[in-house]
PDB file of N, CA and C in Angstrom:
ATOM      1  N   MET A   1     205.228 152.576 169.738  1.00  0.00           N
ATOM      2  CA  MET A   1     203.971 152.936 170.372  1.00  0.00           C
ATOM      3  C   MET A   1     204.219 154.100 171.314  1.00  0.00           C
ATOM      4  N   SER A   2     203.332 155.045 171.263  1.00  0.00           N
ATOM      5  CA  SER A   2     203.484 156.220 172.099  1.00  0.00           C
ATOM      6  C   SER A   2     202.338 156.296 173.103  1.00  0.00           C
ATOM      7  N   TYR A   3     202.657 156.023 174.348  1.00  0.00           N
ATOM      8  CA  TYR A   3     201.670 156.134 175.411  1.00  0.00           C
ATOM      9  C   TYR A   3     202.389 156.523 176.691  1.00  0.00           C
ATOM     10  N   SER A   4     201.656 157.011 177.641  1.00  0.00           N
ATOM     11  CA  SER A   4     202.222 157.487 178.896  1.00  0.00           C
ATOM     12  C   SER A   4     202.728 156.322 179.751  1.00  0.00           C
ATOM     13  N   GLU A   5     204.029 156.233 179.892  1.00  0.00           N
ATOM     14  CA  GLU A   5     204.623 155.199 180.754  1.00  0.00           C
ATOM     15  C   GLU A   5     204.248 155.465 182.219  1.00  0.00           C
ATOM     16  N   LYS A   6     204.123 156.734 182.569  1.00  0.00           N
ATOM     17  CA  LYS A   6     203.757 157.091 183.946  1.00  0.00           C
ATOM     18  C   LYS A   6     202.362 156.538 184.283  1.00  0.00           C
ATOM     19  N   LEU A   7     201.421 156.717 183.370  1.00  0.00           N
ATOM     20  CA  LEU A   7     200.068 156.189 183.585  1.00  0.00           C
ATOM     21  C   LEU A   7     200.084 154.660 183.534  1.00  0.00           C
ATOM     22  N   ALA A   8     200.857 154.089 182.630  1.00  0.00           N
ATOM     23  CA  ALA A   8     200.968 152.627 182.548  1.00  0.00           C
ATOM     24  C   ALA A   8     201.506 152.064 183.865  1.00  0.00           C
ATOM     25  N   ASP A   9     202.496 152.733 184.445  1.00  0.00           N
ATOM     26  CA  ASP A   9     203.042 152.281 185.732  1.00  0.00           C
ATOM     27  C   ASP A   9     202.006 152.382 186.840  1.00  0.00           C
ATOM     28  N   ARG A  10     201.187 153.420 186.800  1.00  0.00           N
ATOM     29  CA  ARG A  10     200.103 153.564 187.785  1.00  0.00           C
ATOM     30  C   ARG A  10     199.136 152.384 187.696  1.00  0.00           C
ATOM     31  N   VAL A  11     198.786 152.020 186.473  1.00  0.00           N
ATOM     32  CA  VAL A  11     197.875 150.887 186.264  1.00  0.00           C
ATOM     33  C   VAL A  11     198.539 149.596 186.728  1.00  0.00           C
ATOM     34  N   ARG A  12     199.782 149.383 186.334  1.00  0.00           N
ATOM     35  CA  ARG A  12     200.514 148.179 186.756  1.00  0.00           C
ATOM     36  C   ARG A  12     200.524 148.054 188.273  1.00  0.00           C
ATOM     37  N   GLU A  13     200.817 149.159 188.942  1.00  0.00           N
ATOM     38  CA  GLU A  13     200.879 149.156 190.402  1.00  0.00           C
ATOM     39  C   GLU A  13     199.529 148.793 191.011  1.00  0.00           C
ATOM     40  N   HIS A  14     198.468 149.271 190.395  1.00  0.00           N
ATOM     41  CA  HIS A  14     197.126 148.996 190.908  1.00  0.00           C
ATOM     42  C   HIS A  14     196.710 147.536 190.668  1.00  0.00           C
ATOM     43  N   LEU A  15     197.165 146.953 189.571  1.00  0.00           N
ATOM     44  CA  LEU A  15     196.747 145.594 189.194  1.00  0.00           C
ATOM     45  C   LEU A  15     197.741 144.511 189.594  1.00  0.00           C
ATOM     46  N   VAL A  16     198.848 144.887 190.210  1.00  0.00           N
ATOM     47  CA  VAL A  16     199.958 143.975 190.461  1.00  0.00           C
ATOM     48  C   VAL A  16     199.568 142.679 191.177  1.00  0.00           C
ATOM     49  N   GLU A  17     198.609 142.729 192.063  1.00  0.00           N
ATOM     50  CA  GLU A  17     198.261 141.536 192.837  1.00  0.00           C
ATOM     51  C   GLU A  17     197.193 140.658 192.190  1.00  0.00           C
ATOM     52  N   LEU A  18     196.693 141.063 191.046  1.00  0.00           N
ATOM     53  CA  LEU A  18     195.675 140.268 190.371  1.00  0.00           C
ATOM     54  C   LEU A  18     196.332 139.188 189.514  1.00  0.00           C
ATOM     55  N   PRO A  19     195.793 137.976 189.544  1.00  0.00           N
ATOM     56  CA  PRO A  19     196.339 136.929 188.670  1.00  0.00           C
ATOM     57  C   PRO A  19     195.847 137.154 187.235  1.00  0.00           C
ATOM     58  N   SER A  20     196.508 136.572 186.319  1.00  0.00           N
ATOM     59  CA  SER A  20     196.063 136.550 184.916  1.00  0.00           C
ATOM     60  C   SER A  20     196.097 137.907 184.212  1.00  0.00           C
ATOM     61  N   ILE A  21     196.918 138.853 184.658  1.00  0.00           N
ATOM     62  CA  ILE A  21     197.053 140.131 183.955  1.00  0.00           C
ATOM     63  C   ILE A  21     198.083 139.957 182.846  1.00  0.00           C
ATOM     64  N   GLU A  22     197.721 140.398 181.673  1.00  0.00           N
ATOM     65  CA  GLU A  22     198.620 140.335 180.529  1.00  0.00           C
ATOM     66  C   GLU A  22     198.599 141.677 179.814  1.00  0.00           C
ATOM     67  N   GLU A  23     199.752 142.171 179.431  1.00  0.00           N
ATOM     68  CA  GLU A  23     199.851 143.429 178.704  1.00  0.00           C
ATOM     69  C   GLU A  23     200.001 143.148 177.214  1.00  0.00           C
ATOM     70  N   LYS A  24     199.255 143.913 176.401  1.00  0.00           N
ATOM     71  CA  LYS A  24     199.337 143.764 174.948  1.00  0.00           C
ATOM     72  C   LYS A  24     199.335 145.150 174.318  1.00  0.00           C
ATOM     73  N   GLU A  25     200.145 145.328 173.302  1.00  0.00           N
ATOM     74  CA  GLU A  25     200.109 146.570 172.550  1.00  0.00           C
ATOM     75  C   GLU A  25     198.935 146.499 171.588  1.00  0.00           C
ATOM     76  N   MET A  26     198.067 147.532 171.674  1.00  0.00           N
ATOM     77  CA  MET A  26     196.833 147.547 170.909  1.00  0.00           C
ATOM     78  C   MET A  26     196.338 148.985 170.810  1.00  0.00           C
ATOM     79  N   PHE A  27     195.561 149.325 169.810  1.00  0.00           N
ATOM     80  CA  PHE A  27     194.976 150.662 169.651  1.00  0.00           C
ATOM     81  C   PHE A  27     196.048 151.756 169.637  1.00  0.00           C
ATOM     82  N   GLY A  28     197.264 151.430 169.270  1.00  0.00           N
ATOM     83  CA  GLY A  28     198.341 152.408 169.306  1.00  0.00           C
ATOM     84  C   GLY A  28     198.790 152.704 170.724  1.00  0.00           C
ATOM     85  N   GLY A  29     198.427 151.850 171.653  1.00  0.00           N
ATOM     86  CA  GLY A  29     198.788 152.034 173.051  1.00  0.00           C
ATOM     87  C   GLY A  29     199.045 150.701 173.725  1.00  0.00           C
ATOM     88  N   LEU A  30     198.684 150.628 174.990  1.00  0.00           N
ATOM     89  CA  LEU A  30     198.906 149.430 175.793  1.00  0.00           C
ATOM     90  C   LEU A  30     197.591 149.019 176.440  1.00  0.00           C
ATOM     91  N   VAL A  31     197.267 147.734 176.352  1.00  0.00           N
ATOM     92  CA  VAL A  31     196.031 147.218 176.940  1.00  0.00           C
ATOM     93  C   VAL A  31     196.377 146.168 177.988  1.00  0.00           C
ATOM     94  N   PHE A  32     195.656 146.207 179.104  1.00  0.00           N
ATOM     95  CA  PHE A  32     195.804 145.215 180.163  1.00  0.00           C
ATOM     96  C   PHE A  32     194.631 144.251 180.057  1.00  0.00           C
ATOM     97  N   MET A  33     194.956 143.002 179.795  1.00  0.00           N
ATOM     98  CA  MET A  33     193.958 141.948 179.693  1.00  0.00           C
ATOM     99  C   MET A  33     193.848 141.289 181.060  1.00  0.00           C
ATOM    100  N   TYR A  34     192.624 141.012 181.479  1.00  0.00           N
ATOM    101  CA  TYR A  34     192.396 140.316 182.742  1.00  0.00           C
ATOM    102  C   TYR A  34     191.491 139.143 182.441  1.00  0.00           C
ATOM    103  N   HIS A  35     191.912 137.950 182.808  1.00  0.00           N
ATOM    104  CA  HIS A  35     191.195 136.715 182.470  1.00  0.00           C
ATOM    105  C   HIS A  35     190.952 136.634 180.969  1.00  0.00           C
ATOM    106  N   GLU A  36     191.973 137.037 180.196  1.00  0.00           N
ATOM    107  CA  GLU A  36     191.949 136.992 178.736  1.00  0.00           C
ATOM    108  C   GLU A  36     190.904 137.912 178.123  1.00  0.00           C
ATOM    109  N   LYS A  37     190.478 138.936 178.875  1.00  0.00           N
ATOM    110  CA  LYS A  37     189.501 139.901 178.369  1.00  0.00           C
ATOM    111  C   LYS A  37     190.062 141.310 178.537  1.00  0.00           C
ATOM    112  N   MET A  38     189.817 142.153 177.537  1.00  0.00           N
ATOM    113  CA  MET A  38     190.268 143.521 177.610  1.00  0.00           C
ATOM    114  C   MET A  38     189.621 144.215 178.811  1.00  0.00           C
ATOM    115  N   CYS A  39     190.434 144.860 179.634  1.00  0.00           N
ATOM    116  CA  CYS A  39     189.925 145.492 180.846  1.00  0.00           C
ATOM    117  C   CYS A  39     190.207 146.998 180.851  1.00  0.00           C
ATOM    118  N   VAL A  40     191.472 147.371 180.894  1.00  0.00           N
ATOM    119  CA  VAL A  40     191.872 148.779 180.869  1.00  0.00           C
ATOM    120  C   VAL A  40     193.067 148.934 179.946  1.00  0.00           C
ATOM    121  N   GLY A  41     193.356 150.164 179.592  1.00  0.00           N
ATOM    122  CA  GLY A  41     194.508 150.404 178.737  1.00  0.00           C
ATOM    123  C   GLY A  41     194.938 151.849 178.783  1.00  0.00           C
ATOM    124  N   ILE A  42     196.007 152.119 178.071  1.00  0.00           N
ATOM    125  CA  ILE A  42     196.548 153.463 177.970  1.00  0.00           C
ATOM    126  C   ILE A  42     196.583 153.831 176.489  1.00  0.00           C
ATOM    127  N   ILE A  43     195.970 154.941 176.148  1.00  0.00           N
ATOM    128  CA  ILE A  43     196.009 155.477 174.796  1.00  0.00           C
ATOM    129  C   ILE A  43     196.554 156.895 174.915  1.00  0.00           C
ATOM    130  N   LYS A  44     197.751 157.104 174.434  1.00  0.00           N
ATOM    131  CA  LYS A  44     198.484 158.361 174.596  1.00  0.00           C
ATOM    132  C   LYS A  44     198.600 158.680 176.081  1.00  0.00           C
ATOM    133  N   ASP A  45     197.944 159.753 176.540  1.00  0.00           N
ATOM    134  CA  ASP A  45     198.010 160.130 177.959  1.00  0.00           C
ATOM    135  C   ASP A  45     196.697 159.862 178.689  1.00  0.00           C
ATOM    136  N   ALA A  46     195.857 159.010 178.124  1.00  0.00           N
ATOM    137  CA  ALA A  46     194.529 158.763 178.690  1.00  0.00           C
ATOM    138  C   ALA A  46     194.353 157.292 179.068  1.00  0.00           C
ATOM    139  N   LEU A  47     193.441 157.074 179.999  1.00  0.00           N
ATOM    140  CA  LEU A  47     193.088 155.732 180.447  1.00  0.00           C
ATOM    141  C   LEU A  47     191.884 155.255 179.656  1.00  0.00           C
ATOM    142  N   MET A  48     191.955 154.044 179.125  1.00  0.00           N
ATOM    143  CA  MET A  48     190.822 153.439 178.447  1.00  0.00           C
ATOM    144  C   MET A  48     190.251 152.379 179.386  1.00  0.00           C
ATOM    145  N   CYS A  49     188.940 152.394 179.577  1.00  0.00           N
ATOM    146  CA  CYS A  49     188.287 151.415 180.442  1.00  0.00           C
ATOM    147  C   CYS A  49     187.134 150.753 179.711  1.00  0.00           C
ATOM    148  N   ARG A  50     187.028 149.441 179.890  1.00  0.00           N
ATOM    149  CA  ARG A  50     185.882 148.687 179.377  1.00  0.00           C
ATOM    150  C   ARG A  50     184.927 148.512 180.545  1.00  0.00           C
ATOM    151  N   ILE A  51     183.778 149.181 180.448  1.00  0.00           N
ATOM    152  CA  ILE A  51     182.799 149.137 181.529  1.00  0.00           C
ATOM    153  C   ILE A  51     181.499 148.517 181.034  1.00  0.00           C
ATOM    154  N   ASP A  52     180.587 148.297 181.963  1.00  0.00           N
ATOM    155  CA  ASP A  52     179.271 147.760 181.622  1.00  0.00           C
ATOM    156  C   ASP A  52     178.587 148.692 180.619  1.00  0.00           C
ATOM    157  N   PRO A  53     178.195 148.192 179.455  1.00  0.00           N
ATOM    158  CA  PRO A  53     177.529 149.036 178.466  1.00  0.00           C
ATOM    159  C   PRO A  53     176.272 149.720 179.006  1.00  0.00           C
ATOM    160  N   ASP A  54     175.634 149.119 180.012  1.00  0.00           N
ATOM    161  CA  ASP A  54     174.444 149.743 180.605  1.00  0.00           C
ATOM    162  C   ASP A  54     174.779 151.035 181.352  1.00  0.00           C
ATOM    163  N   LEU A  55     176.043 151.220 181.742  1.00  0.00           N
ATOM    164  CA  LEU A  55     176.488 152.431 182.442  1.00  0.00           C
ATOM    165  C   LEU A  55     177.125 153.455 181.502  1.00  0.00           C
ATOM    166  N   PHE A  56     177.298 153.066 180.259  1.00  0.00           N
ATOM    167  CA  PHE A  56     178.043 153.862 179.283  1.00  0.00           C
ATOM    168  C   PHE A  56     177.566 155.312 179.188  1.00  0.00           C
ATOM    169  N   GLU A  57     176.315 155.518 178.887  1.00  0.00           N
ATOM    170  CA  GLU A  57     175.784 156.878 178.699  1.00  0.00           C
ATOM    171  C   GLU A  57     175.923 157.714 179.967  1.00  0.00           C
ATOM    172  N   GLU A  58     175.613 157.123 181.099  1.00  0.00           N
ATOM    173  CA  GLU A  58     175.723 157.830 182.383  1.00  0.00           C
ATOM    174  C   GLU A  58     177.167 158.250 182.666  1.00  0.00           C
ATOM    175  N   MET A  59     178.112 157.383 182.392  1.00  0.00           N
ATOM    176  CA  MET A  59     179.516 157.671 182.682  1.00  0.00           C
ATOM    177  C   MET A  59     180.103 158.720 181.738  1.00  0.00           C
ATOM    178  N   LEU A  60     179.512 158.875 180.557  1.00  0.00           N
ATOM    179  CA  LEU A  60     179.964 159.905 179.621  1.00  0.00           C
ATOM    180  C   LEU A  60     179.755 161.318 180.181  1.00  0.00           C
ATOM    181  N   GLU A  61     178.896 161.450 181.184  1.00  0.00           N
ATOM    182  CA  GLU A  61     178.625 162.763 181.782  1.00  0.00           C
ATOM    183  C   GLU A  61     179.743 163.223 182.719  1.00  0.00           C
ATOM    184  N   ASN A  62     180.680 162.343 183.057  1.00  0.00           N
ATOM    185  CA  ASN A  62     181.780 162.694 183.947  1.00  0.00           C
ATOM    186  C   ASN A  62     182.839 163.522 183.226  1.00  0.00           C
ATOM    187  N   GLN A  63     183.520 164.347 183.984  1.00  0.00           N
ATOM    188  CA  GLN A  63     184.567 165.202 183.437  1.00  0.00           C
ATOM    189  C   GLN A  63     185.701 164.383 182.835  1.00  0.00           C
ATOM    190  N   GLY A  64     186.108 164.767 181.630  1.00  0.00           N
ATOM    191  CA  GLY A  64     187.248 164.131 180.979  1.00  0.00           C
ATOM    192  C   GLY A  64     186.958 162.810 180.310  1.00  0.00           C
ATOM    193  N   VAL A  65     185.682 162.438 180.176  1.00  0.00           N
ATOM    194  CA  VAL A  65     185.315 161.123 179.643  1.00  0.00           C
ATOM    195  C   VAL A  65     184.727 161.259 178.235  1.00  0.00           C
ATOM    196  N   THR A  66     185.234 160.441 177.318  1.00  0.00           N
ATOM    197  CA  THR A  66     184.716 160.385 175.959  1.00  0.00           C
ATOM    198  C   THR A  66     184.625 158.911 175.539  1.00  0.00           C
ATOM    199  N   PRO A  67     183.803 158.617 174.533  1.00  0.00           N
ATOM    200  CA  PRO A  67     183.756 157.233 174.041  1.00  0.00           C
ATOM    201  C   PRO A  67     185.052 156.893 173.303  1.00  0.00           C
ATOM    202  N   LEU A  68     185.430 155.636 173.313  1.00  0.00           N
ATOM    203  CA  LEU A  68     186.625 155.201 172.587  1.00  0.00           C
ATOM    204  C   LEU A  68     186.454 155.456 171.099  1.00  0.00           C
ATOM    205  N   ALA A  69     185.291 155.153 170.580  1.00  0.00           N
ATOM    206  CA  ALA A  69     185.004 155.352 169.160  1.00  0.00           C
ATOM    207  C   ALA A  69     183.539 155.739 169.025  1.00  0.00           C
ATOM    208  N   SER A  70     183.197 156.311 167.908  1.00  0.00           N
ATOM    209  CA  SER A  70     181.822 156.767 167.724  1.00  0.00           C
ATOM    210  C   SER A  70     180.886 155.658 167.271  1.00  0.00           C
ATOM    211  N   THR A  71     181.395 154.465 167.079  1.00  0.00           N
ATOM    212  CA  THR A  71     180.547 153.369 166.621  1.00  0.00           C
ATOM    213  C   THR A  71     179.901 152.656 167.805  1.00  0.00           C
ATOM    214  N   THR A  72     178.723 152.127 167.603  1.00  0.00           N
ATOM    215  CA  THR A  72     178.030 151.417 168.674  1.00  0.00           C
ATOM    216  C   THR A  72     178.707 150.104 169.023  1.00  0.00           C
ATOM    217  N   SER A  73     179.542 149.582 168.134  1.00  0.00           N
ATOM    218  CA  SER A  73     180.226 148.321 168.432  1.00  0.00           C
ATOM    219  C   SER A  73     181.218 148.480 169.582  1.00  0.00           C
ATOM    220  N   MET A  74     181.585 149.712 169.921  1.00  0.00           N
ATOM    221  CA  MET A  74     182.535 149.957 170.993  1.00  0.00           C
ATOM    222  C   MET A  74     181.835 150.483 172.248  1.00  0.00           C
ATOM    223  N   LYS A  75     180.513 150.359 172.314  1.00  0.00           N
ATOM    224  CA  LYS A  75     179.797 150.846 173.484  1.00  0.00           C
ATOM    225  C   LYS A  75     180.312 150.105 174.719  1.00  0.00           C
ATOM    226  N   GLY A  76     180.670 150.867 175.724  1.00  0.00           N
ATOM    227  CA  GLY A  76     181.237 150.277 176.921  1.00  0.00           C
ATOM    228  C   GLY A  76     182.722 150.577 177.056  1.00  0.00           C
ATOM    229  N   PHE A  77     183.327 151.121 175.998  1.00  0.00           N
ATOM    230  CA  PHE A  77     184.738 151.480 176.033  1.00  0.00           C
ATOM    231  C   PHE A  77     184.857 152.996 176.148  1.00  0.00           C
ATOM    232  N   LEU A  78     185.410 153.452 177.261  1.00  0.00           N
ATOM    233  CA  LEU A  78     185.555 154.881 177.525  1.00  0.00           C
ATOM    234  C   LEU A  78     187.022 155.275 177.571  1.00  0.00           C
ATOM    235  N   VAL A  79     187.286 156.516 177.249  1.00  0.00           N
ATOM    236  CA  VAL A  79     188.615 157.097 177.386  1.00  0.00           C
ATOM    237  C   VAL A  79     188.502 158.223 178.402  1.00  0.00           C
ATOM    238  N   ILE A  80     189.347 158.175 179.419  1.00  0.00           N
ATOM    239  CA  ILE A  80     189.324 159.170 180.488  1.00  0.00           C
ATOM    240  C   ILE A  80     190.639 159.938 180.436  1.00  0.00           C
ATOM    241  N   ASP A  81     190.562 161.244 180.168  1.00  0.00           N
ATOM    242  CA  ASP A  81     191.788 162.036 180.087  1.00  0.00           C
ATOM    243  C   ASP A  81     192.229 162.479 181.481  1.00  0.00           C
ATOM    244  N   GLU A  82     193.314 163.216 181.540  1.00  0.00           N
ATOM    245  CA  GLU A  82     193.911 163.606 182.827  1.00  0.00           C
ATOM    246  C   GLU A  82     192.955 164.389 183.723  1.00  0.00           C
ATOM    247  N   THR A  83     191.985 165.101 183.139  1.00  0.00           N
ATOM    248  CA  THR A  83     191.048 165.855 183.983  1.00  0.00           C
ATOM    249  C   THR A  83     190.099 164.935 184.745  1.00  0.00           C
ATOM    250  N   GLY A  84     189.920 163.724 184.254  1.00  0.00           N
ATOM    251  CA  GLY A  84     189.079 162.747 184.937  1.00  0.00           C
ATOM    252  C   GLY A  84     189.851 161.814 185.848  1.00  0.00           C
ATOM    253  N   LEU A  85     191.173 162.029 185.933  1.00  0.00           N
ATOM    254  CA  LEU A  85     192.045 161.151 186.727  1.00  0.00           C
ATOM    255  C   LEU A  85     192.881 161.943 187.733  1.00  0.00           C
ATOM    256  N   ARG A  86     192.401 163.098 188.112  1.00  0.00           N
ATOM    257  CA  ARG A  86     193.205 163.988 188.957  1.00  0.00           C
ATOM    258  C   ARG A  86     193.527 163.411 190.331  1.00  0.00           C
ATOM    259  N   THR A  87     192.590 162.704 190.910  1.00  0.00           N
ATOM    260  CA  THR A  87     192.822 162.177 192.256  1.00  0.00           C
ATOM    261  C   THR A  87     192.954 160.661 192.220  1.00  0.00           C
ATOM    262  N   ARG A  88     193.514 160.124 193.280  1.00  0.00           N
ATOM    263  CA  ARG A  88     193.623 158.660 193.414  1.00  0.00           C
ATOM    264  C   ARG A  88     192.224 158.036 193.431  1.00  0.00           C
ATOM    265  N   LYS A  89     191.294 158.719 194.068  1.00  0.00           N
ATOM    266  CA  LYS A  89     189.914 158.240 194.139  1.00  0.00           C
ATOM    267  C   LYS A  89     189.303 158.137 192.736  1.00  0.00           C
ATOM    268  N   ASP A  90     189.542 159.156 191.892  1.00  0.00           N
ATOM    269  CA  ASP A  90     189.047 159.122 190.511  1.00  0.00           C
ATOM    270  C   ASP A  90     189.643 157.929 189.761  1.00  0.00           C
ATOM    271  N   PHE A  91     190.954 157.778 189.854  1.00  0.00           N
ATOM    272  CA  PHE A  91     191.668 156.691 189.184  1.00  0.00           C
ATOM    273  C   PHE A  91     191.112 155.337 189.624  1.00  0.00           C
ATOM    274  N   GLU A  92     190.978 155.146 190.925  1.00  0.00           N
ATOM    275  CA  GLU A  92     190.477 153.883 191.465  1.00  0.00           C
ATOM    276  C   GLU A  92     189.028 153.625 191.064  1.00  0.00           C
ATOM    277  N   PHE A  93     188.231 154.673 190.935  1.00  0.00           N
ATOM    278  CA  PHE A  93     186.840 154.534 190.503  1.00  0.00           C
ATOM    279  C   PHE A  93     186.782 153.889 189.114  1.00  0.00           C
ATOM    280  N   TRP A  94     187.569 154.433 188.172  1.00  0.00           N
ATOM    281  CA  TRP A  94     187.527 153.930 186.796  1.00  0.00           C
ATOM    282  C   TRP A  94     188.090 152.515 186.684  1.00  0.00           C
ATOM    283  N   ILE A  95     189.192 152.267 187.360  1.00  0.00           N
ATOM    284  CA  ILE A  95     189.754 150.913 187.340  1.00  0.00           C
ATOM    285  C   ILE A  95     188.766 149.936 187.965  1.00  0.00           C
ATOM    286  N   GLY A  96     188.132 150.342 189.050  1.00  0.00           N
ATOM    287  CA  GLY A  96     187.141 149.502 189.727  1.00  0.00           C
ATOM    288  C   GLY A  96     185.967 149.154 188.829  1.00  0.00           C
ATOM    289  N   LEU A  97     185.446 150.148 188.089  1.00  0.00           N
ATOM    290  CA  LEU A  97     184.341 149.874 187.164  1.00  0.00           C
ATOM    291  C   LEU A  97     184.745 148.846 186.107  1.00  0.00           C
ATOM    292  N   ALA A  98     185.959 148.986 185.608  1.00  0.00           N
ATOM    293  CA  ALA A  98     186.438 148.047 184.588  1.00  0.00           C
ATOM    294  C   ALA A  98     186.604 146.642 185.160  1.00  0.00           C
ATOM    295  N   LEU A  99     187.120 146.544 186.369  1.00  0.00           N
ATOM    296  CA  LEU A  99     187.299 145.227 186.987  1.00  0.00           C
ATOM    297  C   LEU A  99     185.958 144.566 187.306  1.00  0.00           C
ATOM    298  N   ILE A 100     184.992 145.339 187.754  1.00  0.00           N
ATOM    299  CA  ILE A 100     183.655 144.786 188.029  1.00  0.00           C
ATOM    300  C   ILE A 100     183.051 144.222 186.752  1.00  0.00           C
ATOM    301  N   TYR A 101     183.141 144.989 185.664  1.00  0.00           N
ATOM    302  CA  TYR A 101     182.556 144.515 184.420  1.00  0.00           C
ATOM    303  C   TYR A 101     183.318 143.314 183.853  1.00  0.00           C
ATOM    304  N   ASN A 102     184.612 143.265 184.080  1.00  0.00           N
ATOM    305  CA  ASN A 102     185.420 142.170 183.543  1.00  0.00           C
ATOM    306  C   ASN A 102     184.880 140.811 183.963  1.00  0.00           C
ATOM    307  N   SER A 103     184.367 140.714 185.181  1.00  0.00           N
ATOM    308  CA  SER A 103     183.846 139.423 185.647  1.00  0.00           C
ATOM    309  C   SER A 103     182.596 138.997 184.878  1.00  0.00           C
ATOM    310  N   LYS A 104     181.889 139.954 184.274  1.00  0.00           N
ATOM    311  CA  LYS A 104     180.672 139.660 183.513  1.00  0.00           C
ATOM    312  C   LYS A 104     180.914 139.615 182.008  1.00  0.00           C
ATOM    313  N   ALA A 105     181.968 140.270 181.569  1.00  0.00           N
ATOM    314  CA  ALA A 105     182.227 140.401 180.125  1.00  0.00           C
ATOM    315  C   ALA A 105     182.536 139.063 179.483  1.00  0.00           C
ATOM    316  N   LYS A 106     182.161 138.956 178.242  1.00  0.00           N
ATOM    317  CA  LYS A 106     182.462 137.753 177.487  1.00  0.00           C
ATOM    318  C   LYS A 106     183.784 137.941 176.773  1.00  0.00           C
ATOM    319  N   LYS A 107     184.491 136.840 176.616  1.00  0.00           N
ATOM    320  CA  LYS A 107     185.749 136.882 175.863  1.00  0.00           C
ATOM    321  C   LYS A 107     185.428 137.149 174.410  1.00  0.00           C
ATOM    322  N   THR A 108     186.322 137.860 173.746  1.00  0.00           N
ATOM    323  CA  THR A 108     186.187 138.092 172.323  1.00  0.00           C
ATOM    324  C   THR A 108     186.537 136.807 171.592  1.00  0.00           C
ATOM    325  N   VAL A 109     185.665 136.394 170.708  1.00  0.00           N
ATOM    326  CA  VAL A 109     185.910 135.181 169.940  1.00  0.00           C
ATOM    327  C   VAL A 109     186.886 135.520 168.823  1.00  0.00           C
ATOM    328  N   LYS A 110     188.001 134.797 168.792  1.00  0.00           N
ATOM    329  CA  LYS A 110     189.004 135.034 167.746  1.00  0.00           C
ATOM    330  C   LYS A 110     188.503 134.452 166.436  1.00  0.00           C
ATOM    331  N   LYS A 111     188.639 135.258 165.385  1.00  0.00           N
ATOM    332  CA  LYS A 111     188.217 134.809 164.065  1.00  0.00           C
ATOM    333  C   LYS A 111     189.238 133.837 163.497  1.00  0.00           C
ATOM    334  N   LYS A 112     188.737 132.789 162.872  1.00  0.00           N
ATOM    335  CA  LYS A 112     189.619 131.812 162.254  1.00  0.00           C
ATOM    336  C   LYS A 112     190.153 132.390 160.956  1.00  0.00           C
ATOM    337  N   LYS A 113     191.430 132.101 160.706  1.00  0.00           N
ATOM    338  CA  LYS A 113     192.049 132.613 159.475  1.00  0.00           C
ATOM    339  C   LYS A 113     191.879 131.629 158.341  1.00  0.00           C
TER     340      LYS A 113
END
């Protein structure tokens, strides 16, 4: 898997005091699960955040922000490149949005095999 260890360490440092954080390799990168729900991740050199779908369109207007995928099934998943993460305040904003939504998000139901 190829993703930015530097960005992953930044996320780890920010989430270190939260209980129930689990790291999983996913999407060709690294995902941080919080309360068994996808919260944030690293895809190459970018931060992936799961935010409230109601904020999705508005947040796309920010610098360095693109949707994770072009399908509506991924609405609420954003990718923020380095231009959107230049300052600590920017970084904390995106992580904060993901953590706020995590408390409302539903767990993904695992399909039975």
